[in-house]
Each structure stands twice: as C-alpha cells, then as structure tokens.
C-alpha cells in the first residue's frame, strides 16, 4: 500500500522530517503491519523534481490495513493534515529479505504485466545483494501492472529517502512466493 502527498516546491521538508521523528514510532508495534517505510522525495535531491511524502506499507493482513485506514489506527492524522490522498494497494506476490541491516532509501518500479515469468526468481536474486534490506513484488489487477518495491541500504538517484522504518511483523510475512 502507498499514498503520495505531493507538496509545494517551496515546502519546508523539515516539517515532514519532524512529523516522522515525533510520530513514526507510533506504528512500531502496530498489529498486522509487516513494515512501514516513511519515505520522502525532496525537490533537487537525488534527481527528484518534487517535494513528496510517500509512505509505503507491507501488511501482514488486510485487517491491519483496514484498522489503519478507517478504524482509527492512524491514517486520520494524514487526513487531518493533508486531506484524503488516494491510497494505492496491490496484491502481494512475493517478499524477500536481504542481508542489509538498515534501509536508507527505497525504490518503486512499475512494469506492464504480460505474465509473471521469472519475476519471482529475479526478486529472490535481487534480495541476495548486500545492499538490499527488503524486496517485494505485487500485482495491480486494475492496471495490469507489476510493482517491485525495494528498500536499499544506500541512497541513490531516483530513490526515496527513508526517514524511519517501522517493522513490527516483518518476520511474519512469508518469504518467497505468497501462494
């Protein structure tokens, strides 16, 4: 699941950094949450053309996602401060843990879906890299797209910055193909 809050070009991103520093820990033990990566893109940094707050979530179960979004579990803070952004969510296909012990950056790649092919095996191979924390593959049946999300140990061009990582039930998300 991911939502993006695109902010004005002159927005003071220290406001978002402070928000995450003071509130990020609130989901460190949230039931049903595999992980939440508190992501930003900052205009002019790593090639980003925009200021954006764009958290990414891996849910262990959809009940946790529902509780978060509409059951008083925390999303009301986003709605109160920024309005109700569109929330994208996908069907999980595979998740892999990498050897990196921390995550400083993240990437999201979307490709047209023609067939699953070797995508699951490629995800497993990617996750063996020393600079990968977690990699996930998901499917968007509305647009017929595959989405690959990766948490990286190092920042790089085109990557989101990770401000905080809550991962209360990451170890409970099965590795490999999810069916």
Protein backbone atom coordinates (compact mmCIF):
# COMPACT_ATOMS: atom_id res chain seq x y z
CA UNK A 1 0.00 0.00 0.00
CA UNK A 2 1.24 3.50 -0.74
CA UNK A 3 -0.09 7.02 -0.84
CA UNK A 4 1.75 10.10 -2.01
CA UNK A 5 1.29 13.61 -0.70
CA UNK A 6 2.92 15.97 -3.19
CA UNK A 7 3.82 19.25 -1.54
CA UNK A 8 4.56 22.73 -2.93
CA UNK A 9 8.01 23.31 -4.43
CA UNK A 10 8.91 25.72 -1.60
CA UNK A 11 7.53 23.47 1.18
CA UNK A 12 9.83 23.21 4.18
CA UNK A 13 10.56 19.46 4.26
CA UNK A 14 11.85 19.79 7.83
CA UNK A 15 8.13 19.79 8.76
CA UNK A 16 7.81 16.26 7.38
CA UNK A 17 11.09 15.20 8.98
CA UNK A 18 9.82 16.49 12.34
CA UNK A 19 6.46 14.76 11.83
CA UNK A 20 8.19 11.41 11.25
CA UNK A 21 10.68 11.95 14.10
CA UNK A 22 7.85 12.60 16.57
CA UNK A 23 5.15 10.24 15.25
CA UNK A 24 6.97 7.48 13.37
CA UNK A 25 7.42 5.31 16.44
CA UNK A 26 3.63 5.08 16.88
CA UNK A 27 3.45 2.23 14.36
CA UNK A 28 6.49 0.35 15.65
CA UNK A 29 4.13 -2.20 17.26
CA UNK A 30 1.00 -1.88 15.08
CA UNK A 31 -0.83 -5.24 14.76
CA UNK A 32 -0.93 -6.63 11.23
CA UNK A 33 1.78 -4.30 9.90
CA UNK A 34 4.74 -6.01 8.30
CA UNK A 35 6.55 -2.75 7.65
CA UNK A 36 6.03 0.93 7.02
CA UNK A 37 8.81 2.85 5.31
CA UNK A 38 8.40 6.57 5.95
CA UNK A 39 9.53 7.89 2.58
CA UNK A 40 10.16 11.34 1.18
CA UNK A 41 11.40 12.80 -2.06
CA UNK A 42 12.92 16.23 -1.76
CA UNK A 43 12.99 18.59 -4.72
CA UNK A 44 16.51 18.81 -6.11
CA UNK A 45 17.80 15.82 -4.09
CA UNK A 46 18.66 12.55 -5.90
CA UNK A 47 17.06 13.94 -9.05
CA UNK A 48 13.61 14.48 -7.54
CA UNK A 49 11.51 17.14 -9.28
CA UNK A 50 9.05 17.36 -6.34
CA UNK A 51 8.69 17.51 -2.59
CA UNK A 52 6.69 14.48 -1.55
CA UNK A 53 5.77 12.40 1.48
CA UNK A 54 5.06 8.87 0.22
CA UNK A 55 4.99 6.12 2.89
CA UNK A 56 5.00 2.51 1.71
CA UNK A 57 3.46 -0.36 3.68
CA UNK A 58 3.64 -4.15 3.60
CA UNK A 59 0.70 -5.55 5.54
CA UNK A 60 0.74 -8.98 7.11
CA UNK A 61 -3.04 -8.98 6.94
CA UNK A 62 -5.75 -6.82 5.40
CA UNK A 63 -7.43 -6.42 8.79
CA UNK A 64 -4.45 -4.36 9.94
CA UNK A 65 -4.67 -2.24 6.80
CA UNK A 66 -8.38 -1.63 7.35
CA UNK A 67 -7.82 -0.76 11.02
CA UNK A 68 -5.14 1.73 10.00
CA UNK A 69 -7.12 3.38 7.21
CA UNK A 70 -10.65 3.57 8.62
CA UNK A 71 -10.65 2.01 12.07
CA UNK A 72 -8.92 4.80 13.97
CA UNK A 73 -5.46 3.29 13.58
CA UNK A 74 -3.56 6.36 12.49
CA UNK A 75 -4.48 7.44 8.95
CA UNK A 76 -6.72 10.15 10.38
CA UNK A 77 -3.52 12.15 11.06
CA UNK A 78 -2.77 12.32 7.33
CA UNK A 79 -6.39 13.20 6.55
CA UNK A 80 -6.43 15.93 9.22
CA UNK A 81 -3.18 17.50 7.98
CA UNK A 82 -3.22 16.93 4.21
CA UNK A 83 -6.70 15.80 3.18
CA UNK A 84 -7.59 12.34 1.92
CA UNK A 85 -5.00 11.22 -0.65
CA UNK A 86 -5.70 8.32 -3.00
CA UNK A 87 -4.30 5.13 -1.47
CA UNK A 88 -2.91 2.55 -3.86
CA UNK A 89 -2.86 -1.04 -2.77
CA UNK A 90 -1.75 -4.14 -4.57
CA UNK A 91 -2.00 -7.90 -4.25
CA UNK A 92 1.24 -9.28 -2.84
CA UNK A 93 3.05 -11.87 -4.95
CA UNK A 94 6.41 -12.33 -3.21
CA UNK A 95 8.53 -10.86 -0.45
CA UNK A 96 12.22 -11.40 0.21
CA UNK A 97 14.53 -10.19 2.96
CA UNK A 98 18.02 -9.07 2.06
CA UNK A 99 21.18 -9.05 4.18
CA UNK A 100 21.29 -5.25 4.78
CA UNK A 101 20.54 -4.42 8.40
CA UNK A 102 19.22 -0.93 7.70
CA UNK A 103 17.32 0.94 4.98
CA UNK A 104 18.21 4.48 3.90
CA UNK A 105 16.45 4.54 0.54
CA UNK A 106 13.63 2.91 -1.39
CA UNK A 107 12.58 2.42 -4.99
CA UNK A 108 9.31 1.54 -6.66
CA UNK A 109 9.29 0.21 -10.20
CA UNK A 110 6.11 -0.44 -12.16
CA UNK A 111 6.09 -2.54 -15.33
CA UNK A 112 3.27 -3.78 -17.55
CA UNK A 113 2.10 -7.28 -16.68
CA UNK A 114 2.13 -9.74 -19.54
CA UNK A 115 2.94 -12.81 -17.47
CA UNK A 116 4.66 -13.45 -14.17
CA UNK A 117 7.52 -15.30 -15.85
CA UNK A 118 10.77 -15.06 -13.91
CA UNK A 119 9.78 -12.04 -11.80
CA UNK A 120 9.66 -14.01 -8.53
CA UNK A 121 13.05 -15.62 -9.15
CA UNK A 122 14.50 -12.24 -10.14
CA UNK A 123 13.20 -10.74 -6.89
CA UNK A 124 14.91 -13.51 -4.88
CA UNK A 125 18.16 -12.91 -6.77
CA UNK A 126 17.93 -9.14 -6.17
CA UNK A 127 17.38 -9.70 -2.44
CA UNK A 128 20.71 -11.55 -2.18
CA UNK A 129 22.57 -8.30 -2.88
CA UNK A 130 24.43 -6.89 0.14
CA UNK A 131 22.68 -3.51 -0.23
CA UNK A 132 19.08 -4.82 -0.09
CA UNK A 133 17.03 -4.80 3.12
CA UNK A 134 13.66 -5.98 1.77
CA UNK A 135 12.20 -6.53 -1.69
CA UNK A 136 8.55 -7.09 -2.55
CA UNK A 137 6.66 -7.87 -5.73
CA UNK A 138 2.98 -7.04 -6.11
CA UNK A 139 0.30 -7.05 -8.78
CA UNK A 140 -2.19 -4.33 -9.73
CA UNK A 141 -5.13 -6.11 -11.42
CA UNK A 142 -6.83 -2.78 -12.23
CA UNK A 143 -3.99 -1.58 -14.46
CA UNK A 144 -2.38 -4.98 -15.15
CA UNK A 145 0.98 -3.94 -13.76
CA UNK A 146 3.68 -5.50 -11.63
CA UNK A 147 5.10 -3.33 -8.86
CA UNK A 148 8.55 -4.00 -7.40
CA UNK A 149 9.40 -2.22 -4.18
CA UNK A 150 12.93 -2.36 -2.73
CA UNK A 151 14.41 -1.00 0.48
CA UNK A 152 18.08 -0.19 -0.07
CA UNK A 153 20.94 0.34 2.38
CA UNK A 154 22.23 3.30 0.36
CA UNK A 155 20.71 6.39 -1.18
CA UNK A 156 20.88 6.77 -4.94
CA UNK A 157 19.47 8.65 -7.93
CA UNK A 158 15.71 8.36 -8.26
CA UNK A 159 15.28 6.74 -4.85
CA UNK A 160 13.09 7.86 -1.99
CA UNK A 161 14.79 8.72 1.30
CA UNK A 162 13.78 6.52 4.24
CA UNK A 163 13.26 8.62 7.38
CA UNK A 164 12.09 5.80 9.64
CA UNK A 165 11.21 2.13 9.32
CA UNK A 166 8.53 0.50 11.46
CA UNK A 167 8.63 -3.27 11.02
CA UNK A 168 6.65 -4.89 13.84
CA UNK A 169 5.61 -8.05 11.95
CA UNK A 170 8.05 -8.16 9.03
CA UNK A 171 9.39 -11.53 10.16
CA UNK A 172 5.83 -12.93 10.00
CA UNK A 173 5.40 -12.13 6.30
CA UNK A 174 6.29 -15.32 4.42
CA UNK A 175 9.36 -15.17 2.21
CA UNK A 176 9.19 -16.11 -1.41
CA UNK A 177 6.01 -16.56 -3.38
CA UNK A 178 2.96 -15.85 -1.23
CA UNK A 179 0.77 -18.61 -2.62
